Amino acid sequence: MTYRTGRAPPGSRVERRSAHCGGRYGQGTTMPRHYEIQVAGHLDLSWSDWFDGLAIAHLPGGHTLLSGELLDQAALHGVLMKVRDLGLPLIAIVTIDRHDDHATSGEQ
């Protein structure tokens, strides 16, 4: 049987795991994370509120660093959509895990 709704079949292993995690798969396990998003071009500091309160810093080479905590992946995707909507080339995204004091990079 094929399911085209994007949802797990009733009673499936994925559905049971999803319920254990708080409803949807992965939900309930997220914590705010610190992100550093580097884009090409200099943004005026007044854009900070529009970017969900992320701090804005100008870097050498004409790049801008957006940094701060975002609640979850949905908030990160919201910020990335704003970067896209402004037509800013994305240079890098770095997640800083405050608990382990290590960073993971998603450079392009």
PDB file of N, CA and C in Angstrom:
ATOM      1  N   MET A   1       0.841  -1.165   0.000  1.00  0.00           N
ATOM      2  CA  MET A   1       0.000   0.000   0.000  1.00  0.00           C
ATOM      3  C   MET A   1       0.893   1.238   0.000  1.00  0.00           C
ATOM      4  N   THR A   2       0.537   2.239  -0.775  1.00  0.00           N
ATOM      5  CA  THR A   2       1.311   3.464  -0.886  1.00  0.00           C
ATOM      6  C   THR A   2       0.613   4.593  -0.140  1.00  0.00           C
ATOM      7  N   TYR A   3       1.359   5.305   0.667  1.00  0.00           N
ATOM      8  CA  TYR A   3       0.849   6.473   1.390  1.00  0.00           C
ATOM      9  C   TYR A   3       1.481   7.707   0.784  1.00  0.00           C
ATOM     10  N   ARG A   4       0.690   8.619   0.326  1.00  0.00           N
ATOM     11  CA  ARG A   4       1.198   9.817  -0.328  1.00  0.00           C
ATOM     12  C   ARG A   4       0.993  11.077   0.508  1.00  0.00           C
ATOM     13  N   THR A   5       0.602  10.927   1.723  1.00  0.00           N
ATOM     14  CA  THR A   5       0.311  12.098   2.555  1.00  0.00           C
ATOM     15  C   THR A   5       1.540  12.645   3.256  1.00  0.00           C
ATOM     16  N   GLY A   6       2.667  11.939   3.174  1.00  0.00           N
ATOM     17  CA  GLY A   6       3.849  12.372   3.894  1.00  0.00           C
ATOM     18  C   GLY A   6       3.825  11.951   5.344  1.00  0.00           C
ATOM     19  N   ARG A   7       2.837  11.155   5.721  1.00  0.00           N
ATOM     20  CA  ARG A   7       2.714  10.698   7.100  1.00  0.00           C
ATOM     21  C   ARG A   7       3.005   9.206   7.157  1.00  0.00           C
ATOM     22  N   ALA A   8       3.413   8.762   8.304  1.00  0.00           N
ATOM     23  CA  ALA A   8       3.691   7.343   8.502  1.00  0.00           C
ATOM     24  C   ALA A   8       2.384   6.568   8.545  1.00  0.00           C
ATOM     25  N   PRO A   9       2.376   5.324   8.037  1.00  0.00           N
ATOM     26  CA  PRO A   9       1.175   4.499   8.120  1.00  0.00           C
ATOM     27  C   PRO A   9       0.804   4.267   9.580  1.00  0.00           C
ATOM     28  N   PRO A  10      -0.497   4.179   9.885  1.00  0.00           N
ATOM     29  CA  PRO A  10      -0.930   3.950  11.265  1.00  0.00           C
ATOM     30  C   PRO A  10      -0.287   2.693  11.850  1.00  0.00           C
ATOM     31  N   GLY A  11       0.223   2.818  13.075  1.00  0.00           N
ATOM     32  CA  GLY A  11       0.827   1.683  13.761  1.00  0.00           C
ATOM     33  C   GLY A  11       2.233   1.340  13.326  1.00  0.00           C
ATOM     34  N   SER A  12       2.808   2.113  12.422  1.00  0.00           N
ATOM     35  CA  SER A  12       4.156   1.803  11.942  1.00  0.00           C
ATOM     36  C   SER A  12       5.198   2.140  12.995  1.00  0.00           C
ATOM     37  N   ARG A  13       6.394   1.630  12.796  1.00  0.00           N
ATOM     38  CA  ARG A  13       7.502   1.888  13.711  1.00  0.00           C
ATOM     39  C   ARG A  13       7.796   3.388  13.785  1.00  0.00           C
ATOM     40  N   VAL A  14       7.760   4.080  12.650  1.00  0.00           N
ATOM     41  CA  VAL A  14       8.040   5.518  12.631  1.00  0.00           C
ATOM     42  C   VAL A  14       6.988   6.267  13.427  1.00  0.00           C
ATOM     43  N   GLU A  15       5.712   5.893  13.262  1.00  0.00           N
ATOM     44  CA  GLU A  15       4.661   6.577  14.004  1.00  0.00           C
ATOM     45  C   GLU A  15       4.827   6.365  15.509  1.00  0.00           C
ATOM     46  N   ARG A  16       5.168   5.147  15.920  1.00  0.00           N
ATOM     47  CA  ARG A  16       5.361   4.886  17.356  1.00  0.00           C
ATOM     48  C   ARG A  16       6.529   5.694  17.890  1.00  0.00           C
ATOM     49  N   ARG A  17       7.629   5.774  17.133  1.00  0.00           N
ATOM     50  CA  ARG A  17       8.781   6.560  17.572  1.00  0.00           C
ATOM     51  C   ARG A  17       8.407   8.032  17.639  1.00  0.00           C
ATOM     52  N   SER A  18       7.608   8.506  16.670  1.00  0.00           N
ATOM     53  CA  SER A  18       7.191   9.902  16.655  1.00  0.00           C
ATOM     54  C   SER A  18       6.393  10.244  17.898  1.00  0.00           C
ATOM     55  N   ALA A  19       5.483   9.365  18.272  1.00  0.00           N
ATOM     56  CA  ALA A  19       4.671   9.613  19.459  1.00  0.00           C
ATOM     57  C   ALA A  19       5.543   9.670  20.703  1.00  0.00           C
ATOM     58  N   HIS A  20       6.568   8.845  20.752  1.00  0.00           N
ATOM     59  CA  HIS A  20       7.485   8.826  21.890  1.00  0.00           C
ATOM     60  C   HIS A  20       8.257  10.134  22.000  1.00  0.00           C
ATOM     61  N   CYS A  21       8.530  10.779  20.879  1.00  0.00           N
ATOM     62  CA  CYS A  21       9.321  12.019  20.868  1.00  0.00           C
ATOM     63  C   CYS A  21       8.456  13.258  21.066  1.00  0.00           C
ATOM     64  N   GLY A  22       7.180  13.085  21.317  1.00  0.00           N
ATOM     65  CA  GLY A  22       6.346  14.253  21.583  1.00  0.00           C
ATOM     66  C   GLY A  22       5.418  14.603  20.438  1.00  0.00           C
ATOM     67  N   GLY A  23       5.049  13.665  19.609  1.00  0.00           N
ATOM     68  CA  GLY A  23       4.120  13.955  18.520  1.00  0.00           C
ATOM     69  C   GLY A  23       4.764  13.695  17.182  1.00  0.00           C
ATOM     70  N   ARG A  24       5.279  14.718  16.562  1.00  0.00           N
ATOM     71  CA  ARG A  24       5.953  14.559  15.282  1.00  0.00           C
ATOM     72  C   ARG A  24       7.378  14.104  15.511  1.00  0.00           C
ATOM     73  N   TYR A  25       7.953  13.433  14.541  1.00  0.00           N
ATOM     74  CA  TYR A  25       9.306  12.915  14.667  1.00  0.00           C
ATOM     75  C   TYR A  25      10.287  14.039  14.983  1.00  0.00           C
ATOM     76  N   GLY A  26      11.021  13.902  16.061  1.00  0.00           N
ATOM     77  CA  GLY A  26      12.026  14.886  16.441  1.00  0.00           C
ATOM     78  C   GLY A  26      11.483  16.022  17.294  1.00  0.00           C
ATOM     79  N   GLN A  27      10.169  16.182  17.324  1.00  0.00           N
ATOM     80  CA  GLN A  27       9.587  17.266  18.104  1.00  0.00           C
ATOM     81  C   GLN A  27       9.758  16.977  19.586  1.00  0.00           C
ATOM     82  N   GLY A  28      10.001  18.010  20.361  1.00  0.00           N
ATOM     83  CA  GLY A  28      10.155  17.836  21.791  1.00  0.00           C
ATOM     84  C   GLY A  28      11.596  17.615  22.201  1.00  0.00           C
ATOM     85  N   THR A  29      12.491  17.439  21.246  1.00  0.00           N
ATOM     86  CA  THR A  29      13.886  17.205  21.572  1.00  0.00           C
ATOM     87  C   THR A  29      14.759  18.389  21.181  1.00  0.00           C
ATOM     88  N   THR A  30      14.169  19.442  20.625  1.00  0.00           N
ATOM     89  CA  THR A  30      14.963  20.564  20.163  1.00  0.00           C
ATOM     90  C   THR A  30      15.214  21.547  21.292  1.00  0.00           C
ATOM     91  N   MET A  31      16.356  22.225  21.190  1.00  0.00           N
ATOM     92  CA  MET A  31      16.731  23.266  22.128  1.00  0.00           C
ATOM     93  C   MET A  31      17.221  24.448  21.314  1.00  0.00           C
ATOM     94  N   PRO A  32      17.119  25.657  21.858  1.00  0.00           N
ATOM     95  CA  PRO A  32      17.688  26.784  21.134  1.00  0.00           C
ATOM     96  C   PRO A  32      19.174  26.546  20.878  1.00  0.00           C
ATOM     97  N   ARG A  33      19.617  26.912  19.709  1.00  0.00           N
ATOM     98  CA  ARG A  33      21.025  26.763  19.347  1.00  0.00           C
ATOM     99  C   ARG A  33      21.565  28.093  18.853  1.00  0.00           C
ATOM    100  N   HIS A  34      22.849  28.259  19.016  1.00  0.00           N
ATOM    101  CA  HIS A  34      23.523  29.453  18.537  1.00  0.00           C
ATOM    102  C   HIS A  34      23.976  29.201  17.100  1.00  0.00           C
ATOM    103  N   TYR A  35      23.622  30.113  16.212  1.00  0.00           N
ATOM    104  CA  TYR A  35      23.993  30.000  14.805  1.00  0.00           C
ATOM    105  C   TYR A  35      24.814  31.199  14.381  1.00  0.00           C
ATOM    106  N   GLU A  36      25.727  30.961  13.461  1.00  0.00           N
ATOM    107  CA  GLU A  36      26.448  32.022  12.769  1.00  0.00           C
ATOM    108  C   GLU A  36      26.222  31.805  11.281  1.00  0.00           C
ATOM    109  N   ILE A  37      25.603  32.793  10.641  1.00  0.00           N
ATOM    110  CA  ILE A  37      25.260  32.709   9.230  1.00  0.00           C
ATOM    111  C   ILE A  37      26.034  33.804   8.509  1.00  0.00           C
ATOM    112  N   GLN A  38      26.875  33.402   7.579  1.00  0.00           N
ATOM    113  CA  GLN A  38      27.690  34.366   6.845  1.00  0.00           C
ATOM    114  C   GLN A  38      27.118  34.539   5.441  1.00  0.00           C
ATOM    115  N   VAL A  39      26.910  35.801   5.054  1.00  0.00           N
ATOM    116  CA  VAL A  39      26.385  36.112   3.733  1.00  0.00           C
ATOM    117  C   VAL A  39      27.305  37.120   3.051  1.00  0.00           C
ATOM    118  N   ALA A  40      27.249  37.155   1.719  1.00  0.00           N
ATOM    119  CA  ALA A  40      28.023  38.133   0.959  1.00  0.00           C
ATOM    120  C   ALA A  40      27.271  39.466   0.990  1.00  0.00           C
ATOM    121  N   GLY A  41      28.011  40.535   1.099  1.00  0.00           N
ATOM    122  CA  GLY A  41      27.424  41.864   1.144  1.00  0.00           C
ATOM    123  C   GLY A  41      27.350  42.386   2.567  1.00  0.00           C
ATOM    124  N   HIS A  42      27.277  43.702   2.703  1.00  0.00           N
ATOM    125  CA  HIS A  42      27.151  44.317   4.022  1.00  0.00           C
ATOM    126  C   HIS A  42      25.707  44.737   4.244  1.00  0.00           C
ATOM    127  N   LEU A  43      25.115  44.207   5.302  1.00  0.00           N
ATOM    128  CA  LEU A  43      23.773  44.606   5.709  1.00  0.00           C
ATOM    129  C   LEU A  43      23.875  45.716   6.740  1.00  0.00           C
ATOM    130  N   ASP A  44      22.965  46.675   6.678  1.00  0.00           N
ATOM    131  CA  ASP A  44      22.902  47.710   7.695  1.00  0.00           C
ATOM    132  C   ASP A  44      22.499  47.069   9.026  1.00  0.00           C
ATOM    133  N   LEU A  45      23.017  47.597  10.106  1.00  0.00           N
ATOM    134  CA  LEU A  45      22.738  47.043  11.432  1.00  0.00           C
ATOM    135  C   LEU A  45      21.249  47.095  11.796  1.00  0.00           C
ATOM    136  N   SER A  46      20.498  47.958  11.148  1.00  0.00           N
ATOM    137  CA  SER A  46      19.068  48.076  11.443  1.00  0.00           C
ATOM    138  C   SER A  46      18.263  46.856  10.992  1.00  0.00           C
ATOM    139  N   TRP A  47      18.847  45.950  10.217  1.00  0.00           N
ATOM    140  CA  TRP A  47      18.169  44.734   9.772  1.00  0.00           C
ATOM    141  C   TRP A  47      18.070  43.687  10.887  1.00  0.00           C
ATOM    142  N   SER A  48      18.705  43.908  12.013  1.00  0.00           N
ATOM    143  CA  SER A  48      18.745  42.917  13.084  1.00  0.00           C
ATOM    144  C   SER A  48      17.345  42.459  13.519  1.00  0.00           C
ATOM    145  N   ASP A  49      16.425  43.390  13.718  1.00  0.00           N
ATOM    146  CA  ASP A  49      15.070  43.010  14.138  1.00  0.00           C
ATOM    147  C   ASP A  49      14.388  42.133  13.102  1.00  0.00           C
ATOM    148  N   TRP A  50      14.577  42.445  11.829  1.00  0.00           N
ATOM    149  CA  TRP A  50      13.944  41.665  10.762  1.00  0.00           C
ATOM    150  C   TRP A  50      14.494  40.243  10.725  1.00  0.00           C
ATOM    151  N   PHE A  51      15.757  40.082  11.119  1.00  0.00           N
ATOM    152  CA  PHE A  51      16.385  38.758  11.176  1.00  0.00           C
ATOM    153  C   PHE A  51      16.244  38.144  12.568  1.00  0.00           C
ATOM    154  N   ASP A  52      15.080  38.278  13.155  1.00  0.00           N
ATOM    155  CA  ASP A  52      14.731  37.654  14.437  1.00  0.00           C
ATOM    156  C   ASP A  52      15.690  38.011  15.568  1.00  0.00           C
ATOM    157  N   GLY A  53      16.228  39.226  15.546  1.00  0.00           N
ATOM    158  CA  GLY A  53      17.093  39.701  16.619  1.00  0.00           C
ATOM    159  C   GLY A  53      18.524  39.211  16.546  1.00  0.00           C
ATOM    160  N   LEU A  54      18.909  38.570  15.446  1.00  0.00           N
ATOM    161  CA  LEU A  54      20.304  38.136  15.319  1.00  0.00           C
ATOM    162  C   LEU A  54      21.215  39.355  15.257  1.00  0.00           C
ATOM    163  N   ALA A  55      22.382  39.244  15.872  1.00  0.00           N
ATOM    164  CA  ALA A  55      23.369  40.325  15.834  1.00  0.00           C
ATOM    165  C   ALA A  55      23.980  40.379  14.437  1.00  0.00           C
ATOM    166  N   ILE A  56      24.299  41.568  13.989  1.00  0.00           N
ATOM    167  CA  ILE A  56      24.885  41.758  12.665  1.00  0.00           C
ATOM    168  C   ILE A  56      26.276  42.356  12.835  1.00  0.00           C
ATOM    169  N   ALA A  57      27.254  41.718  12.200  1.00  0.00           N
ATOM    170  CA  ALA A  57      28.635  42.220  12.235  1.00  0.00           C
ATOM    171  C   ALA A  57      29.191  42.199  10.824  1.00  0.00           C
ATOM    172  N   HIS A  58      29.924  43.250  10.478  1.00  0.00           N
ATOM    173  CA  HIS A  58      30.563  43.315   9.165  1.00  0.00           C
ATOM    174  C   HIS A  58      31.925  42.646   9.232  1.00  0.00           C
ATOM    175  N   LEU A  59      32.197  41.813   8.250  1.00  0.00           N
ATOM    176  CA  LEU A  59      33.464  41.089   8.166  1.00  0.00           C
ATOM    177  C   LEU A  59      34.282  41.629   7.013  1.00  0.00           C
ATOM    178  N   PRO A  60      35.590  41.392   7.040  1.00  0.00           N
ATOM    179  CA  PRO A  60      36.421  41.793   5.902  1.00  0.00           C
ATOM    180  C   PRO A  60      35.959  41.082   4.631  1.00  0.00           C
ATOM    181  N   GLY A  61      36.215  41.688   3.511  1.00  0.00           N
ATOM    182  CA  GLY A  61      35.865  41.079   2.233  1.00  0.00           C
ATOM    183  C   GLY A  61      34.427  41.336   1.830  1.00  0.00           C
ATOM    184  N   GLY A  62      33.754  42.247   2.517  1.00  0.00           N
ATOM    185  CA  GLY A  62      32.391  42.587   2.143  1.00  0.00           C
ATOM    186  C   GLY A  62      31.341  41.593   2.591  1.00  0.00           C
ATOM    187  N   HIS A  63      31.614  40.820   3.623  1.00  0.00           N
ATOM    188  CA  HIS A  63      30.659  39.835   4.129  1.00  0.00           C
ATOM    189  C   HIS A  63      30.012  40.332   5.409  1.00  0.00           C
ATOM    190  N   THR A  64      28.849  39.739   5.726  1.00  0.00           N
ATOM    191  CA  THR A  64      28.131  40.044   6.961  1.00  0.00           C
ATOM    192  C   THR A  64      27.936  38.754   7.741  1.00  0.00           C
ATOM    193  N   LEU A  65      28.079  38.841   9.054  1.00  0.00           N
ATOM    194  CA  LEU A  65      27.840  37.704   9.935  1.00  0.00           C
ATOM    195  C   LEU A  65      26.591  37.980  10.753  1.00  0.00           C
ATOM    196  N   LEU A  66      25.598  37.092  10.636  1.00  0.00           N
ATOM    197  CA  LEU A  66      24.398  37.122  11.460  1.00  0.00           C
ATOM    198  C   LEU A  66      24.603  36.071  12.534  1.00  0.00           C
ATOM    199  N   SER A  67      24.489  36.435  13.804  1.00  0.00           N
ATOM    200  CA  SER A  67      24.745  35.453  14.856  1.00  0.00           C
ATOM    201  C   SER A  67      23.778  35.631  16.012  1.00  0.00           C
ATOM    202  N   GLY A  68      23.466  34.498  16.647  1.00  0.00           N
ATOM    203  CA  GLY A  68      22.595  34.512  17.804  1.00  0.00           C
ATOM    204  C   GLY A  68      21.856  33.197  17.927  1.00  0.00           C
ATOM    205  N   GLU A  69      20.970  33.132  18.928  1.00  0.00           N
ATOM    206  CA  GLU A  69      20.221  31.908  19.188  1.00  0.00           C
ATOM    207  C   GLU A  69      18.910  31.909  18.430  1.00  0.00           C
ATOM    208  N   LEU A  70      18.589  30.740  17.881  1.00  0.00           N
ATOM    209  CA  LEU A  70      17.309  30.509  17.238  1.00  0.00           C
ATOM    210  C   LEU A  70      16.648  29.328  17.934  1.00  0.00           C
ATOM    211  N   LEU A  71      15.347  29.404  18.078  1.00  0.00           N
ATOM    212  CA  LEU A  71      14.606  28.429  18.857  1.00  0.00           C
ATOM    213  C   LEU A  71      14.697  27.015  18.303  1.00  0.00           C
ATOM    214  N   ASP A  72      14.579  26.870  16.977  1.00  0.00           N
ATOM    215  CA  ASP A  72      14.542  25.538  16.386  1.00  0.00           C
ATOM    216  C   ASP A  72      14.866  25.620  14.898  1.00  0.00           C
ATOM    217  N   GLN A  73      14.758  24.480  14.222  1.00  0.00           N
ATOM    218  CA  GLN A  73      15.045  24.419  12.794  1.00  0.00           C
ATOM    219  C   GLN A  73      14.075  25.279  11.990  1.00  0.00           C
ATOM    220  N   ALA A  74      12.835  25.370  12.418  1.00  0.00           N
ATOM    221  CA  ALA A  74      11.866  26.209  11.715  1.00  0.00           C
ATOM    222  C   ALA A  74      12.298  27.675  11.737  1.00  0.00           C
ATOM    223  N   ALA A  75      12.807  28.137  12.872  1.00  0.00           N
ATOM    224  CA  ALA A  75      13.293  29.516  12.966  1.00  0.00           C
ATOM    225  C   ALA A  75      14.506  29.715  12.068  1.00  0.00           C
ATOM    226  N   LEU A  76      15.390  28.730  12.019  1.00  0.00           N
ATOM    227  CA  LEU A  76      16.557  28.814  11.130  1.00  0.00           C
ATOM    228  C   LEU A  76      16.110  28.906   9.680  1.00  0.00           C
ATOM    229  N   HIS A  77      15.166  28.067   9.280  1.00  0.00           N
ATOM    230  CA  HIS A  77      14.675  28.104   7.901  1.00  0.00           C
ATOM    231  C   HIS A  77      14.000  29.434   7.595  1.00  0.00           C
ATOM    232  N   GLY A  78      13.317  30.019   8.579  1.00  0.00           N
ATOM    233  CA  GLY A  78      12.719  31.326   8.387  1.00  0.00           C
ATOM    234  C   GLY A  78      13.763  32.392   8.097  1.00  0.00           C
ATOM    235  N   VAL A  79      14.869  32.364   8.834  1.00  0.00           N
ATOM    236  CA  VAL A  79      15.957  33.318   8.601  1.00  0.00           C
ATOM    237  C   VAL A  79      16.572  33.073   7.220  1.00  0.00           C
ATOM    238  N   LEU A  80      16.772  31.808   6.868  1.00  0.00           N
ATOM    239  CA  LEU A  80      17.362  31.494   5.563  1.00  0.00           C
ATOM    240  C   LEU A  80      16.452  31.929   4.415  1.00  0.00           C
ATOM    241  N   MET A  81      15.145  31.858   4.611  1.00  0.00           N
ATOM    242  CA  MET A  81      14.225  32.352   3.579  1.00  0.00           C
ATOM    243  C   MET A  81      14.367  33.870   3.415  1.00  0.00           C
ATOM    244  N   LYS A  82      14.591  34.565   4.518  1.00  0.00           N
ATOM    245  CA  LYS A  82      14.793  36.011   4.433  1.00  0.00           C
ATOM    246  C   LYS A  82      16.087  36.335   3.694  1.00  0.00           C
ATOM    247  N   VAL A  83      17.142  35.555   3.954  1.00  0.00           N
ATOM    248  CA  VAL A  83      18.407  35.726   3.233  1.00  0.00           C
ATOM    249  C   VAL A  83      18.154  35.538   1.737  1.00  0.00           C
ATOM    250  N   ARG A  84      17.414  34.478   1.400  1.00  0.00           N
ATOM    251  CA  ARG A  84      17.075  34.202   0.000  1.00  0.00           C
ATOM    252  C   ARG A  84      16.260  35.336  -0.609  1.00  0.00           C
ATOM    253  N   ASP A  85      15.246  35.807   0.130  1.00  0.00           N
ATOM    254  CA  ASP A  85      14.365  36.848  -0.393  1.00  0.00           C
ATOM    255  C   ASP A  85      15.104  38.145  -0.681  1.00  0.00           C
ATOM    256  N   LEU A  86      16.174  38.411   0.065  1.00  0.00           N
ATOM    257  CA  LEU A  86      16.988  39.608  -0.188  1.00  0.00           C
ATOM    258  C   LEU A  86      18.006  39.381  -1.302  1.00  0.00           C
ATOM    259  N   GLY A  87      18.132  38.142  -1.750  1.00  0.00           N
ATOM    260  CA  GLY A  87      19.084  37.830  -2.816  1.00  0.00           C
ATOM    261  C   GLY A  87      20.523  37.824  -2.349  1.00  0.00           C
ATOM    262  N   LEU A  88      20.727  37.583  -1.044  1.00  0.00           N
ATOM    263  CA  LEU A  88      22.083  37.567  -0.497  1.00  0.00           C
ATOM    264  C   LEU A  88      22.719  36.193  -0.704  1.00  0.00           C
ATOM    265  N   PRO A  89      23.896  36.134  -1.314  1.00  0.00           N
ATOM    266  CA  PRO A  89      24.568  34.837  -1.448  1.00  0.00           C
ATOM    267  C   PRO A  89      24.965  34.294  -0.068  1.00  0.00           C
ATOM    268  N   LEU A  90      24.580  33.056   0.205  1.00  0.00           N
ATOM    269  CA  LEU A  90      24.902  32.397   1.460  1.00  0.00           C
ATOM    270  C   LEU A  90      26.314  31.845   1.380  1.00  0.00           C
ATOM    271  N   ILE A  91      27.154  32.214   2.338  1.00  0.00           N
ATOM    272  CA  ILE A  91      28.546  31.756   2.360  1.00  0.00           C
ATOM    273  C   ILE A  91      28.705  30.550   3.271  1.00  0.00           C
ATOM    274  N   ALA A  92      28.178  30.638   4.500  1.00  0.00           N
ATOM    275  CA  ALA A  92      28.345  29.530   5.457  1.00  0.00           C
ATOM    276  C   ALA A  92      27.319  29.631   6.565  1.00  0.00           C
ATOM    277  N   ILE A  93      27.005  28.459   7.146  1.00  0.00           N
ATOM    278  CA  ILE A  93      26.182  28.375   8.351  1.00  0.00           C
ATOM    279  C   ILE A  93      26.957  27.529   9.344  1.00  0.00           C
ATOM    280  N   VAL A  94      27.134  28.050  10.550  1.00  0.00           N
ATOM    281  CA  VAL A  94      27.844  27.318  11.595  1.00  0.00           C
ATOM    282  C   VAL A  94      26.912  27.209  12.797  1.00  0.00           C
ATOM    283  N   THR A  95      26.754  25.993  13.304  1.00  0.00           N
ATOM    284  CA  THR A  95      25.981  25.755  14.515  1.00  0.00           C
ATOM    285  C   THR A  95      26.966  25.598  15.661  1.00  0.00           C
ATOM    286  N   ILE A  96      26.762  26.361  16.716  1.00  0.00           N
ATOM    287  CA  ILE A  96      27.637  26.264  17.876  1.00  0.00           C
ATOM    288  C   ILE A  96      26.840  25.628  18.993  1.00  0.00           C
ATOM    289  N   ASP A  97      27.248  24.433  19.382  1.00  0.00           N
ATOM    290  CA  ASP A  97      26.582  23.703  20.451  1.00  0.00           C
ATOM    291  C   ASP A  97      27.195  24.154  21.763  1.00  0.00           C
ATOM    292  N   ARG A  98      26.471  24.929  22.524  1.00  0.00           N
ATOM    293  CA  ARG A  98      26.977  25.504  23.777  1.00  0.00           C
ATOM    294  C   ARG A  98      27.259  24.440  24.834  1.00  0.00           C
ATOM    295  N   HIS A  99      26.606  23.272  24.735  1.00  0.00           N
ATOM    296  CA  HIS A  99      26.789  22.221  25.732  1.00  0.00           C
ATOM    297  C   HIS A  99      28.081  21.450  25.510  1.00  0.00           C
ATOM    298  N   ASP A 100      28.460  21.258  24.242  1.00  0.00           N
ATOM    299  CA  ASP A 100      29.659  20.482  23.934  1.00  0.00           C
ATOM    300  C   ASP A 100      30.840  21.362  23.552  1.00  0.00           C
ATOM    301  N   ASP A 101      30.585  22.678  23.401  1.00  0.00           N
ATOM    302  CA  ASP A 101      31.620  23.631  22.999  1.00  0.00           C
ATOM    303  C   ASP A 101      32.344  23.201  21.729  1.00  0.00           C
ATOM    304  N   HIS A 102      31.580  22.731  20.739  1.00  0.00           N
ATOM    305  CA  HIS A 102      32.149  22.467  19.434  1.00  0.00           C
ATOM    306  C   HIS A 102      31.194  22.975  18.377  1.00  0.00           C
ATOM    307  N   ALA A 103      31.730  23.281  17.203  1.00  0.00           N
ATOM    308  CA  ALA A 103      30.920  23.840  16.126  1.00  0.00           C
ATOM    309  C   ALA A 103      30.836  22.857  14.972  1.00  0.00           C
ATOM    310  N   THR A 104      29.686  22.877  14.285  1.00  0.00           N
ATOM    311  CA  THR A 104      29.542  22.112  13.072  1.00  0.00           C
ATOM    312  C   THR A 104      29.279  23.099  11.957  1.00  0.00           C
ATOM    313  N   SER A 105      29.889  22.878  10.822  1.00  0.00           N
ATOM    314  CA  SER A 105      29.812  23.846   9.737  1.00  0.00           C
ATOM    315  C   SER A 105      29.047  23.273   8.566  1.00  0.00           C
ATOM    316  N   GLY A 106      28.342  24.146   7.875  1.00  0.00           N
ATOM    317  CA  GLY A 106      27.641  23.784   6.653  1.00  0.00           C
ATOM    318  C   GLY A 106      28.091  24.704   5.539  1.00  0.00           C
ATOM    319  N   GLU A 107      29.407  24.814   5.337  1.00  0.00           N
ATOM    320  CA  GLU A 107      29.927  25.717   4.320  1.00  0.00           C
ATOM    321  C   GLU A 107      29.568  25.216   2.937  1.00  0.00           C
ATOM    322  N   GLN A 108      29.374  26.196   2.059  1.00  0.00           N
ATOM    323  CA  GLN A 108      29.066  25.861   0.666  1.00  0.00           C
ATOM    324  C   GLN A 108      30.273  26.098  -0.188  1.00  0.00           C
TER     325      GLN A 108
END
